[in-house]
N, C-alpha and C. Protein backbone atom coordinates (compact mmCIF):
# COMPACT_ATOMS: atom_id res chain seq x y z
N MET A 1 -24.48 -2.95 -4.95
CA MET A 1 -23.40 -3.93 -4.85
C MET A 1 -22.79 -3.89 -3.45
N ASN A 2 -22.39 -5.04 -2.97
CA ASN A 2 -21.64 -5.12 -1.73
C ASN A 2 -20.39 -4.24 -1.83
N GLN A 3 -20.19 -3.39 -0.81
CA GLN A 3 -19.06 -2.47 -0.84
C GLN A 3 -17.73 -3.13 -0.49
N GLY A 4 -17.78 -4.42 -0.12
CA GLY A 4 -16.54 -5.15 0.11
C GLY A 4 -15.90 -4.83 1.45
N LEU A 5 -14.58 -4.74 1.43
CA LEU A 5 -13.81 -4.63 2.66
C LEU A 5 -13.75 -3.19 3.18
N SER A 6 -13.65 -3.08 4.50
CA SER A 6 -13.37 -1.79 5.12
C SER A 6 -11.88 -1.48 4.93
N ARG A 7 -11.49 -0.27 5.26
CA ARG A 7 -10.07 0.10 5.18
C ARG A 7 -9.22 -0.80 6.08
N GLU A 8 -9.76 -1.12 7.25
CA GLU A 8 -9.02 -1.98 8.18
C GLU A 8 -8.84 -3.38 7.62
N LEU A 9 -9.86 -3.91 6.95
CA LEU A 9 -9.75 -5.26 6.40
C LEU A 9 -8.82 -5.30 5.18
N ILE A 10 -8.76 -4.21 4.43
CA ILE A 10 -7.76 -4.12 3.37
C ILE A 10 -6.36 -4.24 3.98
N ALA A 11 -6.16 -3.55 5.11
CA ALA A 11 -4.88 -3.61 5.81
C ALA A 11 -4.59 -5.03 6.30
N VAL A 12 -5.60 -5.70 6.82
CA VAL A 12 -5.44 -7.09 7.28
C VAL A 12 -4.97 -7.98 6.14
N ARG A 13 -5.59 -7.83 4.97
CA ARG A 13 -5.22 -8.68 3.83
C ARG A 13 -3.79 -8.40 3.38
N ILE A 14 -3.39 -7.15 3.38
CA ILE A 14 -2.03 -6.81 2.97
C ILE A 14 -1.02 -7.38 3.95
N ALA A 15 -1.32 -7.32 5.25
CA ALA A 15 -0.40 -7.83 6.26
C ALA A 15 -0.09 -9.31 6.05
N ARG A 16 -1.01 -10.05 5.44
CA ARG A 16 -0.79 -11.46 5.19
C ARG A 16 0.27 -11.70 4.11
N GLU A 17 0.65 -10.66 3.39
CA GLU A 17 1.68 -10.78 2.35
C GLU A 17 3.09 -10.73 2.92
N PHE A 18 3.23 -10.32 4.17
CA PHE A 18 4.55 -10.17 4.76
C PHE A 18 5.07 -11.52 5.28
N LYS A 19 6.36 -11.70 5.18
CA LYS A 19 7.02 -12.92 5.66
C LYS A 19 8.05 -12.55 6.73
N ASP A 20 8.39 -13.53 7.53
CA ASP A 20 9.34 -13.34 8.63
C ASP A 20 10.65 -12.75 8.12
N GLY A 21 11.11 -11.70 8.80
CA GLY A 21 12.38 -11.08 8.46
C GLY A 21 12.31 -9.98 7.41
N MET A 22 11.13 -9.66 6.92
CA MET A 22 11.01 -8.63 5.89
C MET A 22 11.17 -7.22 6.46
N TYR A 23 11.70 -6.34 5.62
CA TYR A 23 11.79 -4.92 5.92
C TYR A 23 10.73 -4.21 5.08
N VAL A 24 9.83 -3.49 5.75
CA VAL A 24 8.63 -2.97 5.10
C VAL A 24 8.43 -1.50 5.42
N ASN A 25 8.05 -0.72 4.42
CA ASN A 25 7.67 0.67 4.64
C ASN A 25 6.19 0.83 4.35
N LEU A 26 5.48 1.49 5.27
CA LEU A 26 4.05 1.74 5.12
C LEU A 26 3.83 3.22 4.84
N GLY A 27 3.30 3.52 3.67
CA GLY A 27 3.14 4.90 3.24
C GLY A 27 1.99 5.63 3.89
N PHE A 28 1.82 6.89 3.50
CA PHE A 28 0.81 7.79 4.06
C PHE A 28 -0.60 7.26 3.81
N GLY A 29 -1.48 7.50 4.80
CA GLY A 29 -2.89 7.16 4.63
C GLY A 29 -3.21 5.73 5.00
N MET A 30 -4.03 5.08 4.18
CA MET A 30 -4.48 3.73 4.46
C MET A 30 -3.34 2.74 4.77
N PRO A 31 -2.21 2.80 4.08
CA PRO A 31 -1.14 1.84 4.37
C PRO A 31 -0.68 1.83 5.83
N THR A 32 -0.76 2.97 6.52
CA THR A 32 -0.29 3.00 7.90
C THR A 32 -1.12 2.11 8.81
N LEU A 33 -2.34 1.76 8.40
CA LEU A 33 -3.18 0.88 9.22
C LEU A 33 -2.61 -0.52 9.32
N VAL A 34 -1.78 -0.90 8.36
CA VAL A 34 -1.26 -2.28 8.30
C VAL A 34 -0.45 -2.62 9.55
N CYS A 35 0.16 -1.63 10.16
CA CYS A 35 1.03 -1.91 11.32
C CYS A 35 0.27 -2.53 12.48
N SER A 36 -1.03 -2.36 12.52
CA SER A 36 -1.83 -2.91 13.62
C SER A 36 -2.23 -4.37 13.40
N PHE A 37 -1.87 -4.93 12.24
CA PHE A 37 -2.32 -6.28 11.91
C PHE A 37 -1.18 -7.19 11.47
N LEU A 38 0.03 -6.93 11.96
CA LEU A 38 1.18 -7.74 11.57
C LEU A 38 1.08 -9.15 12.14
N PRO A 39 1.58 -10.15 11.43
CA PRO A 39 1.56 -11.53 11.95
C PRO A 39 2.27 -11.61 13.29
N PRO A 40 1.61 -12.05 14.34
CA PRO A 40 2.23 -12.03 15.68
C PRO A 40 3.39 -12.99 15.85
N ASP A 41 3.45 -14.01 14.99
CA ASP A 41 4.51 -15.02 15.12
C ASP A 41 5.70 -14.75 14.21
N GLN A 42 5.75 -13.54 13.61
CA GLN A 42 6.84 -13.22 12.69
C GLN A 42 7.48 -11.89 13.07
N ASP A 43 8.76 -11.75 12.73
CA ASP A 43 9.46 -10.49 12.94
C ASP A 43 9.42 -9.69 11.64
N ILE A 44 8.60 -8.65 11.62
CA ILE A 44 8.52 -7.75 10.48
C ILE A 44 9.10 -6.41 10.92
N PHE A 45 10.10 -5.93 10.20
CA PHE A 45 10.79 -4.71 10.59
C PHE A 45 10.22 -3.52 9.79
N LEU A 46 9.46 -2.69 10.50
CA LEU A 46 8.84 -1.54 9.84
C LEU A 46 9.80 -0.36 9.79
N HIS A 47 9.92 0.20 8.60
CA HIS A 47 10.81 1.32 8.35
C HIS A 47 9.98 2.58 8.13
N SER A 48 10.36 3.65 8.79
CA SER A 48 9.74 4.95 8.56
C SER A 48 10.79 5.89 7.98
N GLU A 49 10.45 6.56 6.88
CA GLU A 49 11.43 7.45 6.28
C GLU A 49 11.82 8.60 7.21
N GLN A 50 11.03 8.82 8.27
CA GLN A 50 11.39 9.84 9.25
C GLN A 50 12.61 9.45 10.07
N GLY A 51 13.02 8.17 9.97
CA GLY A 51 14.25 7.76 10.65
C GLY A 51 14.10 6.71 11.72
N ILE A 52 13.05 5.88 11.63
CA ILE A 52 12.86 4.77 12.57
C ILE A 52 12.95 3.45 11.81
N LEU A 53 13.64 2.51 12.38
CA LEU A 53 13.64 1.14 11.87
C LEU A 53 13.27 0.23 13.05
N GLY A 54 12.05 -0.32 12.98
CA GLY A 54 11.60 -1.20 14.04
C GLY A 54 10.51 -0.60 14.91
N TYR A 55 9.44 -0.08 14.27
CA TYR A 55 8.32 0.41 15.07
C TYR A 55 7.16 -0.58 15.03
N GLY A 56 6.23 -0.37 15.95
CA GLY A 56 5.10 -1.30 16.06
C GLY A 56 3.78 -0.64 15.71
N GLY A 57 2.77 -0.87 16.57
CA GLY A 57 1.43 -0.36 16.28
C GLY A 57 1.26 1.11 16.62
N ILE A 58 0.14 1.68 16.18
CA ILE A 58 -0.20 3.06 16.47
C ILE A 58 -0.62 3.16 17.95
N LEU A 59 -0.07 4.14 18.65
CA LEU A 59 -0.37 4.31 20.07
C LEU A 59 -1.66 5.08 20.27
N MET A 60 -2.59 4.50 21.00
CA MET A 60 -3.85 5.17 21.29
C MET A 60 -3.80 5.93 22.62
N ASP A 61 -2.91 5.51 23.51
CA ASP A 61 -2.78 6.14 24.82
C ASP A 61 -1.96 7.41 24.69
N GLU A 62 -2.61 8.56 24.83
CA GLU A 62 -1.94 9.85 24.61
C GLU A 62 -0.79 10.07 25.59
N SER A 63 -0.87 9.47 26.76
CA SER A 63 0.19 9.67 27.75
C SER A 63 1.51 9.04 27.31
N LYS A 64 1.47 8.14 26.32
CA LYS A 64 2.67 7.47 25.84
C LYS A 64 3.20 8.05 24.53
N TRP A 65 2.56 9.11 24.06
CA TRP A 65 2.97 9.69 22.78
C TRP A 65 4.33 10.37 22.89
N ASP A 66 5.11 10.25 21.82
CA ASP A 66 6.37 10.98 21.67
C ASP A 66 6.32 11.60 20.28
N VAL A 67 6.33 12.92 20.22
CA VAL A 67 6.14 13.60 18.93
C VAL A 67 7.26 13.29 17.94
N ASP A 68 8.36 12.74 18.41
CA ASP A 68 9.46 12.39 17.51
C ASP A 68 9.33 10.97 16.95
N LEU A 69 8.39 10.19 17.49
CA LEU A 69 8.21 8.80 17.05
C LEU A 69 6.88 8.69 16.32
N ILE A 70 6.92 8.95 15.02
CA ILE A 70 5.69 8.97 14.22
C ILE A 70 5.87 8.18 12.93
N ASN A 71 4.72 7.77 12.36
CA ASN A 71 4.74 7.09 11.07
C ASN A 71 4.53 8.11 9.95
N ALA A 72 4.32 7.63 8.73
CA ALA A 72 4.22 8.52 7.57
C ALA A 72 3.01 9.45 7.65
N SER A 73 1.98 9.05 8.40
CA SER A 73 0.79 9.87 8.56
C SER A 73 0.86 10.79 9.77
N GLY A 74 2.02 10.81 10.44
CA GLY A 74 2.18 11.66 11.61
C GLY A 74 1.54 11.10 12.87
N GLN A 75 1.21 9.80 12.85
CA GLN A 75 0.60 9.17 14.02
C GLN A 75 1.69 8.63 14.95
N PRO A 76 1.53 8.78 16.26
CA PRO A 76 2.52 8.26 17.20
C PRO A 76 2.52 6.74 17.21
N VAL A 77 3.71 6.16 17.20
CA VAL A 77 3.83 4.70 17.14
C VAL A 77 4.68 4.19 18.30
N SER A 78 4.50 2.90 18.58
CA SER A 78 5.32 2.23 19.59
C SER A 78 6.61 1.72 18.94
N LEU A 79 7.52 1.27 19.76
CA LEU A 79 8.77 0.69 19.27
C LEU A 79 8.84 -0.78 19.64
N VAL A 80 9.52 -1.57 18.82
CA VAL A 80 9.73 -2.97 19.14
C VAL A 80 11.14 -3.13 19.69
N PRO A 81 11.41 -4.19 20.45
CA PRO A 81 12.77 -4.40 20.97
C PRO A 81 13.80 -4.40 19.84
N GLY A 82 14.88 -3.64 20.04
CA GLY A 82 15.92 -3.56 19.02
C GLY A 82 15.74 -2.44 18.02
N ALA A 83 14.70 -1.64 18.19
CA ALA A 83 14.46 -0.52 17.27
C ALA A 83 15.64 0.44 17.28
N CYS A 84 15.87 1.08 16.15
CA CYS A 84 16.97 2.03 16.06
C CYS A 84 16.54 3.28 15.30
N PHE A 85 17.35 4.32 15.40
CA PHE A 85 17.04 5.60 14.80
C PHE A 85 18.20 6.09 13.94
N CYS A 86 17.86 6.90 12.95
CA CYS A 86 18.91 7.45 12.09
C CYS A 86 18.45 8.78 11.52
N ASP A 87 19.37 9.48 10.88
CA ASP A 87 19.01 10.75 10.24
C ASP A 87 18.29 10.48 8.93
N LEU A 88 17.71 11.53 8.37
CA LEU A 88 16.89 11.40 7.16
C LEU A 88 17.70 10.87 5.98
N ALA A 89 18.93 11.32 5.85
CA ALA A 89 19.77 10.89 4.73
C ALA A 89 20.03 9.39 4.78
N THR A 90 20.30 8.87 5.98
CA THR A 90 20.54 7.43 6.14
C THR A 90 19.26 6.65 5.88
N SER A 91 18.14 7.19 6.35
CA SER A 91 16.86 6.53 6.13
C SER A 91 16.55 6.38 4.65
N PHE A 92 16.77 7.46 3.90
CA PHE A 92 16.52 7.40 2.45
C PHE A 92 17.59 6.58 1.74
N GLY A 93 18.77 6.48 2.35
CA GLY A 93 19.79 5.59 1.80
C GLY A 93 19.34 4.14 1.85
N MET A 94 18.61 3.77 2.90
CA MET A 94 18.06 2.41 2.99
C MET A 94 17.07 2.16 1.85
N ILE A 95 16.25 3.19 1.56
CA ILE A 95 15.25 3.05 0.50
C ILE A 95 15.93 2.97 -0.86
N ARG A 96 16.79 3.94 -1.15
CA ARG A 96 17.42 4.02 -2.47
C ARG A 96 18.42 2.90 -2.71
N GLY A 97 18.90 2.31 -1.61
CA GLY A 97 19.85 1.21 -1.74
C GLY A 97 19.21 -0.13 -1.98
N GLY A 98 17.87 -0.17 -2.07
CA GLY A 98 17.17 -1.41 -2.37
C GLY A 98 17.05 -2.36 -1.20
N HIS A 99 17.05 -1.82 0.03
CA HIS A 99 17.04 -2.67 1.22
C HIS A 99 15.63 -2.98 1.72
N LEU A 100 14.60 -2.37 1.13
CA LEU A 100 13.23 -2.64 1.56
C LEU A 100 12.62 -3.76 0.73
N ASP A 101 12.05 -4.74 1.41
CA ASP A 101 11.40 -5.84 0.69
C ASP A 101 10.06 -5.41 0.11
N VAL A 102 9.32 -4.63 0.87
CA VAL A 102 7.98 -4.21 0.44
C VAL A 102 7.74 -2.75 0.81
N SER A 103 7.09 -2.04 -0.10
CA SER A 103 6.57 -0.71 0.20
C SER A 103 5.08 -0.75 -0.08
N VAL A 104 4.28 -0.34 0.90
CA VAL A 104 2.83 -0.27 0.73
C VAL A 104 2.45 1.19 0.57
N LEU A 105 1.83 1.53 -0.55
CA LEU A 105 1.51 2.91 -0.88
C LEU A 105 0.04 3.06 -1.25
N GLY A 106 -0.51 4.22 -0.96
CA GLY A 106 -1.84 4.55 -1.46
C GLY A 106 -1.73 5.03 -2.89
N ALA A 107 -2.88 5.23 -3.55
CA ALA A 107 -2.84 5.69 -4.94
C ALA A 107 -4.14 6.38 -5.33
N TYR A 108 -3.99 7.36 -6.23
CA TYR A 108 -5.15 7.95 -6.89
C TYR A 108 -5.51 7.13 -8.13
N GLN A 109 -4.47 6.62 -8.80
CA GLN A 109 -4.66 5.79 -9.99
C GLN A 109 -3.52 4.80 -10.12
N VAL A 110 -3.83 3.63 -10.69
CA VAL A 110 -2.81 2.65 -11.09
C VAL A 110 -3.17 2.21 -12.50
N SER A 111 -2.19 2.18 -13.40
CA SER A 111 -2.46 1.76 -14.77
C SER A 111 -2.31 0.25 -14.92
N GLU A 112 -2.75 -0.26 -16.06
CA GLU A 112 -2.66 -1.70 -16.31
C GLU A 112 -1.20 -2.17 -16.43
N LYS A 113 -0.29 -1.24 -16.62
CA LYS A 113 1.14 -1.58 -16.69
C LYS A 113 1.85 -1.40 -15.34
N GLY A 114 1.09 -1.03 -14.32
CA GLY A 114 1.70 -0.84 -13.01
C GLY A 114 2.24 0.55 -12.76
N ASP A 115 1.87 1.52 -13.62
CA ASP A 115 2.24 2.90 -13.37
C ASP A 115 1.49 3.40 -12.14
N LEU A 116 2.15 4.21 -11.33
CA LEU A 116 1.58 4.69 -10.08
C LEU A 116 1.42 6.21 -10.10
N ALA A 117 0.23 6.68 -9.76
CA ALA A 117 -0.03 8.11 -9.60
C ALA A 117 -0.63 8.30 -8.21
N ASN A 118 0.16 8.87 -7.30
CA ASN A 118 -0.34 8.98 -5.93
C ASN A 118 0.04 10.28 -5.22
N TRP A 119 0.53 11.27 -5.95
CA TRP A 119 0.97 12.48 -5.26
C TRP A 119 0.16 13.72 -5.62
N LYS A 120 -0.59 13.68 -6.72
CA LYS A 120 -1.35 14.85 -7.13
C LYS A 120 -2.49 14.46 -8.07
N ARG A 121 -3.70 14.87 -7.70
CA ARG A 121 -4.84 14.69 -8.59
C ARG A 121 -4.86 15.82 -9.61
N GLY A 122 -5.64 15.62 -10.65
CA GLY A 122 -5.68 16.64 -11.70
C GLY A 122 -6.25 17.97 -11.24
N ASP A 123 -7.11 17.96 -10.22
CA ASP A 123 -7.73 19.19 -9.76
C ASP A 123 -6.96 19.86 -8.62
N GLN A 124 -5.84 19.29 -8.23
CA GLN A 124 -5.04 19.87 -7.15
C GLN A 124 -4.02 20.87 -7.70
N VAL A 125 -3.91 22.00 -7.02
CA VAL A 125 -2.91 22.99 -7.41
C VAL A 125 -1.54 22.56 -6.92
N VAL A 126 -1.49 22.07 -5.67
CA VAL A 126 -0.24 21.61 -5.08
C VAL A 126 -0.42 20.18 -4.58
N GLY A 127 0.51 19.32 -4.93
CA GLY A 127 0.46 17.94 -4.46
C GLY A 127 1.38 17.73 -3.27
N GLY A 128 1.49 16.47 -2.84
CA GLY A 128 2.36 16.14 -1.73
C GLY A 128 3.16 14.89 -2.05
N ILE A 129 4.35 15.06 -2.60
CA ILE A 129 5.11 13.91 -3.06
C ILE A 129 5.75 13.15 -1.92
N GLY A 130 6.24 13.85 -0.88
CA GLY A 130 6.89 13.15 0.22
C GLY A 130 8.01 12.24 -0.28
N GLY A 131 8.06 11.03 0.27
CA GLY A 131 9.09 10.08 -0.15
C GLY A 131 8.58 9.05 -1.13
N ALA A 132 7.39 9.28 -1.73
CA ALA A 132 6.74 8.27 -2.55
C ALA A 132 7.56 7.84 -3.76
N MET A 133 8.22 8.79 -4.42
CA MET A 133 9.01 8.43 -5.61
C MET A 133 10.16 7.50 -5.23
N ASP A 134 10.82 7.80 -4.12
CA ASP A 134 11.92 6.94 -3.68
C ASP A 134 11.41 5.56 -3.30
N LEU A 135 10.29 5.52 -2.56
CA LEU A 135 9.74 4.24 -2.12
C LEU A 135 9.24 3.40 -3.29
N ALA A 136 8.66 4.05 -4.28
CA ALA A 136 8.14 3.32 -5.43
C ALA A 136 9.25 2.67 -6.25
N ILE A 137 10.38 3.36 -6.34
CA ILE A 137 11.51 2.86 -7.12
C ILE A 137 12.41 1.94 -6.31
N GLY A 138 12.57 2.25 -5.02
CA GLY A 138 13.57 1.55 -4.22
C GLY A 138 13.17 0.21 -3.66
N ALA A 139 11.86 0.00 -3.42
CA ALA A 139 11.42 -1.25 -2.80
C ALA A 139 11.39 -2.39 -3.82
N LYS A 140 11.64 -3.60 -3.33
CA LYS A 140 11.63 -4.76 -4.22
C LYS A 140 10.22 -5.10 -4.70
N ARG A 141 9.22 -4.79 -3.87
CA ARG A 141 7.83 -5.03 -4.26
C ARG A 141 6.98 -3.87 -3.78
N VAL A 142 6.15 -3.34 -4.66
CA VAL A 142 5.22 -2.26 -4.30
C VAL A 142 3.80 -2.80 -4.30
N ILE A 143 3.14 -2.67 -3.16
CA ILE A 143 1.73 -3.05 -3.01
C ILE A 143 0.92 -1.78 -2.85
N VAL A 144 -0.13 -1.62 -3.62
CA VAL A 144 -1.00 -0.46 -3.49
C VAL A 144 -2.24 -0.83 -2.69
N ALA A 145 -2.57 0.02 -1.71
CA ALA A 145 -3.78 -0.12 -0.92
C ALA A 145 -4.70 1.05 -1.24
N MET A 146 -5.89 0.77 -1.74
CA MET A 146 -6.78 1.87 -2.10
C MET A 146 -8.21 1.37 -2.28
N GLU A 147 -9.15 2.32 -2.34
CA GLU A 147 -10.51 2.00 -2.73
C GLU A 147 -10.50 1.70 -4.23
N HIS A 148 -11.40 0.81 -4.67
CA HIS A 148 -11.37 0.38 -6.06
C HIS A 148 -11.82 1.49 -7.02
N ALA A 149 -12.71 2.36 -6.53
CA ALA A 149 -13.24 3.44 -7.36
C ALA A 149 -13.33 4.72 -6.55
N THR A 150 -13.49 5.84 -7.22
CA THR A 150 -13.65 7.13 -6.54
C THR A 150 -15.04 7.22 -5.93
N ASN A 151 -15.28 8.30 -5.17
CA ASN A 151 -16.60 8.51 -4.59
C ASN A 151 -17.68 8.70 -5.65
N LYS A 152 -17.26 9.05 -6.86
CA LYS A 152 -18.19 9.22 -7.98
C LYS A 152 -18.36 7.94 -8.78
N GLY A 153 -17.69 6.86 -8.34
CA GLY A 153 -17.80 5.59 -9.05
C GLY A 153 -16.89 5.46 -10.25
N GLU A 154 -15.89 6.34 -10.36
CA GLU A 154 -14.95 6.28 -11.48
C GLU A 154 -13.82 5.31 -11.16
N PRO A 155 -13.41 4.48 -12.11
CA PRO A 155 -12.33 3.51 -11.86
C PRO A 155 -11.02 4.19 -11.50
N LYS A 156 -10.32 3.60 -10.54
CA LYS A 156 -8.99 4.07 -10.18
C LYS A 156 -7.92 3.18 -10.79
N ILE A 157 -8.32 2.02 -11.29
CA ILE A 157 -7.43 1.15 -12.08
C ILE A 157 -7.76 1.41 -13.54
N VAL A 158 -6.83 1.99 -14.26
CA VAL A 158 -7.11 2.55 -15.58
C VAL A 158 -6.14 2.04 -16.64
N HIS A 159 -6.50 2.28 -17.90
CA HIS A 159 -5.57 1.94 -18.99
C HIS A 159 -4.29 2.75 -18.87
N GLN A 160 -4.45 4.06 -18.70
CA GLN A 160 -3.32 4.97 -18.61
C GLN A 160 -3.65 6.05 -17.59
N CYS A 161 -2.72 6.33 -16.70
CA CYS A 161 -2.96 7.33 -15.67
C CYS A 161 -3.12 8.72 -16.28
N SER A 162 -4.14 9.44 -15.84
CA SER A 162 -4.34 10.81 -16.29
C SER A 162 -3.74 11.81 -15.30
N PHE A 163 -3.39 11.34 -14.11
CA PHE A 163 -2.75 12.19 -13.10
C PHE A 163 -1.23 12.09 -13.24
N PRO A 164 -0.50 13.06 -12.71
CA PRO A 164 0.98 13.01 -12.78
C PRO A 164 1.52 11.73 -12.15
N LEU A 165 2.47 11.10 -12.83
CA LEU A 165 3.01 9.83 -12.34
C LEU A 165 3.99 10.03 -11.19
N THR A 166 3.93 9.08 -10.28
CA THR A 166 4.94 8.97 -9.23
C THR A 166 6.10 8.15 -9.75
N ALA A 167 5.77 7.04 -10.42
CA ALA A 167 6.78 6.17 -11.03
C ALA A 167 6.09 5.26 -12.03
N GLY A 168 6.83 4.84 -13.03
CA GLY A 168 6.25 4.00 -14.07
C GLY A 168 6.56 2.52 -13.87
N GLY A 169 5.56 1.68 -14.02
CA GLY A 169 5.75 0.23 -14.03
C GLY A 169 6.25 -0.38 -12.74
N VAL A 170 5.92 0.21 -11.60
CA VAL A 170 6.47 -0.26 -10.33
C VAL A 170 5.52 -1.12 -9.51
N VAL A 171 4.23 -0.95 -9.71
CA VAL A 171 3.25 -1.64 -8.86
C VAL A 171 3.18 -3.13 -9.23
N LYS A 172 3.29 -3.98 -8.22
CA LYS A 172 3.21 -5.43 -8.43
C LYS A 172 1.86 -6.00 -8.01
N THR A 173 1.24 -5.39 -6.99
CA THR A 173 -0.01 -5.93 -6.45
C THR A 173 -0.92 -4.77 -6.06
N ILE A 174 -2.22 -4.93 -6.31
CA ILE A 174 -3.22 -3.94 -5.92
C ILE A 174 -4.23 -4.63 -5.02
N VAL A 175 -4.43 -4.07 -3.82
CA VAL A 175 -5.44 -4.60 -2.90
C VAL A 175 -6.46 -3.50 -2.64
N THR A 176 -7.71 -3.77 -2.98
CA THR A 176 -8.77 -2.78 -2.81
C THR A 176 -9.88 -3.35 -1.93
N ASN A 177 -10.93 -2.56 -1.75
CA ASN A 177 -12.08 -3.05 -1.00
C ASN A 177 -12.82 -4.16 -1.73
N LEU A 178 -12.52 -4.34 -3.01
CA LEU A 178 -13.22 -5.35 -3.80
C LEU A 178 -12.36 -6.53 -4.22
N ALA A 179 -11.05 -6.33 -4.36
CA ALA A 179 -10.27 -7.37 -5.02
C ALA A 179 -8.78 -7.34 -4.68
N PHE A 180 -8.13 -8.47 -4.97
CA PHE A 180 -6.68 -8.63 -4.91
C PHE A 180 -6.23 -8.90 -6.34
N ILE A 181 -5.41 -8.00 -6.88
CA ILE A 181 -5.02 -8.07 -8.29
C ILE A 181 -3.51 -8.00 -8.41
N ASP A 182 -2.94 -8.88 -9.22
CA ASP A 182 -1.50 -8.84 -9.50
C ASP A 182 -1.28 -8.20 -10.87
N VAL A 183 -0.24 -7.36 -10.94
CA VAL A 183 0.16 -6.76 -12.21
C VAL A 183 1.22 -7.65 -12.83
N THR A 184 0.94 -8.21 -14.00
CA THR A 184 1.86 -9.13 -14.66
C THR A 184 2.16 -8.64 -16.08
N PRO A 185 3.20 -9.18 -16.73
CA PRO A 185 3.49 -8.79 -18.11
C PRO A 185 2.32 -9.09 -19.06
N SER A 186 1.47 -10.05 -18.69
CA SER A 186 0.33 -10.41 -19.54
C SER A 186 -0.90 -9.56 -19.27
N GLY A 187 -0.88 -8.81 -18.17
CA GLY A 187 -2.04 -8.00 -17.82
C GLY A 187 -2.36 -8.10 -16.35
N LEU A 188 -3.51 -7.56 -15.99
CA LEU A 188 -3.95 -7.55 -14.60
C LEU A 188 -4.69 -8.85 -14.28
N VAL A 189 -4.17 -9.60 -13.31
CA VAL A 189 -4.74 -10.90 -12.96
C VAL A 189 -5.56 -10.76 -11.68
N LEU A 190 -6.85 -11.02 -11.78
CA LEU A 190 -7.74 -11.00 -10.63
C LEU A 190 -7.63 -12.33 -9.91
N ARG A 191 -7.06 -12.30 -8.71
CA ARG A 191 -6.81 -13.54 -7.96
C ARG A 191 -7.81 -13.76 -6.83
N GLU A 192 -8.31 -12.67 -6.23
CA GLU A 192 -9.23 -12.81 -5.10
C GLU A 192 -10.29 -11.72 -5.16
N VAL A 193 -11.46 -12.04 -4.65
CA VAL A 193 -12.53 -11.05 -4.53
C VAL A 193 -12.98 -11.01 -3.07
N ALA A 194 -13.50 -9.86 -2.65
CA ALA A 194 -14.03 -9.73 -1.31
C ALA A 194 -15.31 -10.54 -1.18
N SER A 195 -15.66 -10.90 0.03
CA SER A 195 -16.86 -11.68 0.28
C SER A 195 -18.09 -10.96 -0.28
N GLY A 196 -18.89 -11.69 -1.05
CA GLY A 196 -20.12 -11.14 -1.62
C GLY A 196 -19.92 -10.35 -2.89
N VAL A 197 -18.68 -10.28 -3.39
CA VAL A 197 -18.38 -9.54 -4.61
C VAL A 197 -18.04 -10.52 -5.73
N THR A 198 -18.54 -10.29 -6.92
CA THR A 198 -18.27 -11.17 -8.05
C THR A 198 -17.20 -10.58 -8.95
N ALA A 199 -16.60 -11.43 -9.78
CA ALA A 199 -15.59 -10.97 -10.73
C ALA A 199 -16.20 -9.95 -11.70
N GLU A 200 -17.47 -10.15 -12.06
CA GLU A 200 -18.14 -9.24 -12.98
C GLU A 200 -18.30 -7.85 -12.36
N GLU A 201 -18.57 -7.80 -11.07
CA GLU A 201 -18.71 -6.52 -10.39
C GLU A 201 -17.37 -5.80 -10.30
N VAL A 202 -16.31 -6.54 -10.09
CA VAL A 202 -14.98 -5.94 -10.07
C VAL A 202 -14.64 -5.38 -11.45
N GLN A 203 -14.93 -6.17 -12.50
CA GLN A 203 -14.64 -5.72 -13.85
C GLN A 203 -15.40 -4.45 -14.21
N ALA A 204 -16.62 -4.34 -13.73
CA ALA A 204 -17.45 -3.18 -14.05
C ALA A 204 -16.86 -1.88 -13.52
N LEU A 205 -16.01 -1.97 -12.50
CA LEU A 205 -15.38 -0.79 -11.91
C LEU A 205 -13.89 -0.72 -12.21
N THR A 206 -13.46 -1.49 -13.22
CA THR A 206 -12.06 -1.53 -13.64
C THR A 206 -11.98 -1.23 -15.13
N GLU A 207 -11.19 -0.24 -15.50
CA GLU A 207 -11.12 0.16 -16.91
C GLU A 207 -10.46 -0.90 -17.79
N PRO A 208 -9.28 -1.42 -17.45
CA PRO A 208 -8.67 -2.46 -18.30
C PRO A 208 -9.40 -3.80 -18.14
N LYS A 209 -9.25 -4.64 -19.13
CA LYS A 209 -9.80 -5.99 -19.07
C LYS A 209 -8.99 -6.82 -18.08
N LEU A 210 -9.68 -7.45 -17.14
CA LEU A 210 -9.01 -8.28 -16.15
C LEU A 210 -8.87 -9.71 -16.64
N ILE A 211 -7.78 -10.35 -16.27
CA ILE A 211 -7.60 -11.79 -16.51
C ILE A 211 -8.04 -12.49 -15.23
N VAL A 212 -9.13 -13.21 -15.30
CA VAL A 212 -9.65 -13.88 -14.11
C VAL A 212 -8.90 -15.19 -13.90
N SER A 213 -8.25 -15.31 -12.77
CA SER A 213 -7.46 -16.50 -12.46
C SER A 213 -8.34 -17.74 -12.43
N ASN A 214 -7.80 -18.85 -12.91
CA ASN A 214 -8.52 -20.12 -12.83
C ASN A 214 -8.71 -20.56 -11.37
N GLU A 215 -7.91 -19.98 -10.49
CA GLU A 215 -7.99 -20.31 -9.07
C GLU A 215 -8.60 -19.15 -8.27
N LEU A 216 -9.45 -18.36 -8.90
CA LEU A 216 -10.10 -17.23 -8.23
C LEU A 216 -10.79 -17.69 -6.96
N ARG A 217 -10.55 -16.96 -5.88
CA ARG A 217 -11.14 -17.34 -4.59
C ARG A 217 -11.53 -16.11 -3.80
N GLU A 218 -12.26 -16.35 -2.72
CA GLU A 218 -12.65 -15.27 -1.82
C GLU A 218 -11.44 -14.91 -0.94
N MET A 219 -11.29 -13.64 -0.64
CA MET A 219 -10.18 -13.19 0.20
C MET A 219 -10.24 -13.86 1.57
N GLU A 220 -9.09 -14.33 2.02
CA GLU A 220 -8.97 -14.87 3.38
C GLU A 220 -8.35 -13.81 4.27
N LEU A 221 -9.00 -13.58 5.40
CA LEU A 221 -8.55 -12.50 6.29
C LEU A 221 -8.16 -13.06 7.66
């Protein structure tokens, strides 16, 4: 089967969900790639729980690195005009106060009800929760960026999460290398598929039954 989108193209598709003036947090791992693909004609304010509001892309030029200016993955980032800094308590106050429009998070599993498990796999002795619980609860919309299945071909979109939950019922949208799926009260709605991927192939790697949208289309990047 066609493996679908690369990690970078998943990030490109997610970036298309942002609108002018939004406040967005990009979580650890794949979500941090999204900062390199923001709409150039819009003002998107990226928030880092480390205490930055208003950062830009990942800096590749080592001579410009500042160890205090990093994203959730510890990568050095640039700043946009008007960027500001705050202490950790204030930063988490922005999250817990409901001021973030979108939080993009990675995941080990997502259930058909939008439950999120992203801090510890079943075989891990110690997990890494970070700020994920706050981001999952505090943001107005949670988008998950992840591969559709594990390296062993096991579904990561499941009936019920078997890994410890980060938060229950918070995920609104799932974007994977194969598909764009919305979590709704009626179930998981398959709205888009990656180029060369069929709805049947997506279903084969998804544990819950998908509702295929009447307007199903190929992902636009």
